[in-house]
């Protein structure tokens, strides 16, 4: 159903955002990310104690593209 839209002010959009005004059938944003972390990372909660004397994270990533995002329709 057609709609009348007044003034629109967009401050910012992130890299995986969708901005739409009007009718739409299907919207499917896609994004990928790769995160490397050492021991004791990503712990959440109350009263967590982590005792790690040495934590090394070695990365050997020979692939240039891990997960391609193509034909986003």
C-alpha atoms as a PDB file:
ATOM      1  CA  UNK A   1       0.000   0.000   0.000  1.00  0.00           C
ATOM      2  CA  UNK A   2       1.540   3.331  -0.967  1.00  0.00           C
ATOM      3  CA  UNK A   3       2.435   5.705   1.830  1.00  0.00           C
ATOM      4  CA  UNK A   4       3.277   9.372   2.059  1.00  0.00           C
ATOM      5  CA  UNK A   5       6.492  10.058   3.907  1.00  0.00           C
ATOM      6  CA  UNK A   6       7.482  13.434   5.311  1.00  0.00           C
ATOM      7  CA  UNK A   7      10.962  14.710   6.019  1.00  0.00           C
ATOM      8  CA  UNK A   8      13.538  12.092   7.008  1.00  0.00           C
ATOM      9  CA  UNK A   9      16.869  12.805   8.687  1.00  0.00           C
ATOM     10  CA  UNK A  10      19.424   9.988   8.835  1.00  0.00           C
ATOM     11  CA  UNK A  11      22.303  10.605  11.217  1.00  0.00           C
ATOM     12  CA  UNK A  12      24.325   7.460  10.554  1.00  0.00           C
ATOM     13  CA  UNK A  13      24.086   3.893   9.287  1.00  0.00           C
ATOM     14  CA  UNK A  14      26.412   1.043  10.142  1.00  0.00           C
ATOM     15  CA  UNK A  15      27.990  -1.194   7.533  1.00  0.00           C
ATOM     16  CA  UNK A  16      25.324  -3.909   7.851  1.00  0.00           C
ATOM     17  CA  UNK A  17      22.305  -1.615   8.122  1.00  0.00           C
ATOM     18  CA  UNK A  18      19.237  -1.336   5.949  1.00  0.00           C
ATOM     19  CA  UNK A  19      17.466   1.964   5.374  1.00  0.00           C
ATOM     20  CA  UNK A  20      14.089   1.728   3.711  1.00  0.00           C
ATOM     21  CA  UNK A  21      11.291   4.165   3.015  1.00  0.00           C
ATOM     22  CA  UNK A  22       8.201   2.815   1.336  1.00  0.00           C
ATOM     23  CA  UNK A  23       7.002  -0.632   0.361  1.00  0.00           C
ATOM     24  CA  UNK A  24       9.336  -3.569   0.689  1.00  0.00           C
ATOM     25  CA  UNK A  25       8.960  -7.299   0.104  1.00  0.00           C
ATOM     26  CA  UNK A  26      12.114  -8.730   1.644  1.00  0.00           C
ATOM     27  CA  UNK A  27      15.029  -7.187   3.522  1.00  0.00           C
ATOM     28  CA  UNK A  28      18.001  -9.349   4.495  1.00  0.00           C
ATOM     29  CA  UNK A  29      21.154  -7.633   5.742  1.00  0.00           C
ATOM     30  CA  UNK A  30      24.247  -9.802   5.949  1.00  0.00           C
ATOM     31  CA  UNK A  31      27.551  -9.286   7.698  1.00  0.00           C
ATOM     32  CA  UNK A  32      30.490 -11.391   8.777  1.00  0.00           C
ATOM     33  CA  UNK A  33      33.103 -10.915  11.464  1.00  0.00           C
ATOM     34  CA  UNK A  34      36.169 -12.752  12.691  1.00  0.00           C
ATOM     35  CA  UNK A  35      37.278 -12.454  16.292  1.00  0.00           C
ATOM     36  CA  UNK A  36      40.432 -13.778  17.908  1.00  0.00           C
ATOM     37  CA  UNK A  37      40.830 -13.879  21.675  1.00  0.00           C
ATOM     38  CA  UNK A  38      43.086 -15.507  24.216  1.00  0.00           C
ATOM     39  CA  UNK A  39      42.336 -17.542  27.289  1.00  0.00           C
ATOM     40  CA  UNK A  40      39.959 -15.940  29.761  1.00  0.00           C
ATOM     41  CA  UNK A  41      38.259 -13.799  27.123  1.00  0.00           C
ATOM     42  CA  UNK A  42      34.508 -13.305  26.734  1.00  0.00           C
ATOM     43  CA  UNK A  43      33.739 -14.269  30.315  1.00  0.00           C
ATOM     44  CA  UNK A  44      30.634 -12.648  31.731  1.00  0.00           C
ATOM     45  CA  UNK A  45      28.953 -12.852  35.089  1.00  0.00           C
ATOM     46  CA  UNK A  46      29.351 -11.838  38.696  1.00  0.00           C
ATOM     47  CA  UNK A  47      32.372 -12.890  40.736  1.00  0.00           C
ATOM     48  CA  UNK A  48      34.434 -14.558  37.995  1.00  0.00           C
ATOM     49  CA  UNK A  49      38.064 -15.213  38.855  1.00  0.00           C
ATOM     50  CA  UNK A  50      40.503 -15.890  36.054  1.00  0.00           C
ATOM     51  CA  UNK A  51      44.080 -16.853  36.868  1.00  0.00           C
ATOM     52  CA  UNK A  52      46.113 -17.226  33.698  1.00  0.00           C
ATOM     53  CA  UNK A  53      49.847 -16.691  33.964  1.00  0.00           C
ATOM     54  CA  UNK A  54      50.433 -16.483  30.228  1.00  0.00           C
ATOM     55  CA  UNK A  55      47.947 -16.329  27.404  1.00  0.00           C
ATOM     56  CA  UNK A  56      49.121 -16.270  23.786  1.00  0.00           C
ATOM     57  CA  UNK A  57      46.881 -16.290  20.742  1.00  0.00           C
ATOM     58  CA  UNK A  58      48.684 -17.289  17.564  1.00  0.00           C
ATOM     59  CA  UNK A  59      46.894 -16.524  14.297  1.00  0.00           C
ATOM     60  CA  UNK A  60      47.832 -18.055  10.961  1.00  0.00           C
ATOM     61  CA  UNK A  61      45.030 -17.106   8.605  1.00  0.00           C
ATOM     62  CA  UNK A  62      46.061 -17.863   5.031  1.00  0.00           C
ATOM     63  CA  UNK A  63      42.588 -17.371   3.556  1.00  0.00           C
ATOM     64  CA  UNK A  64      41.871 -13.926   2.147  1.00  0.00           C
ATOM     65  CA  UNK A  65      38.084 -14.369   2.081  1.00  0.00           C
ATOM     66  CA  UNK A  66      36.561 -16.686   4.683  1.00  0.00           C
ATOM     67  CA  UNK A  67      32.847 -16.257   4.025  1.00  0.00           C
ATOM     68  CA  UNK A  68      31.921 -14.304   0.909  1.00  0.00           C
ATOM     69  CA  UNK A  69      28.699 -12.318   0.905  1.00  0.00           C
ATOM     70  CA  UNK A  70      27.428 -12.245  -2.666  1.00  0.00           C
ATOM     71  CA  UNK A  71      24.031 -12.126  -4.299  1.00  0.00           C
ATOM     72  CA  UNK A  72      22.358 -10.524  -1.286  1.00  0.00           C
ATOM     73  CA  UNK A  73      18.775 -10.577  -2.491  1.00  0.00           C
END
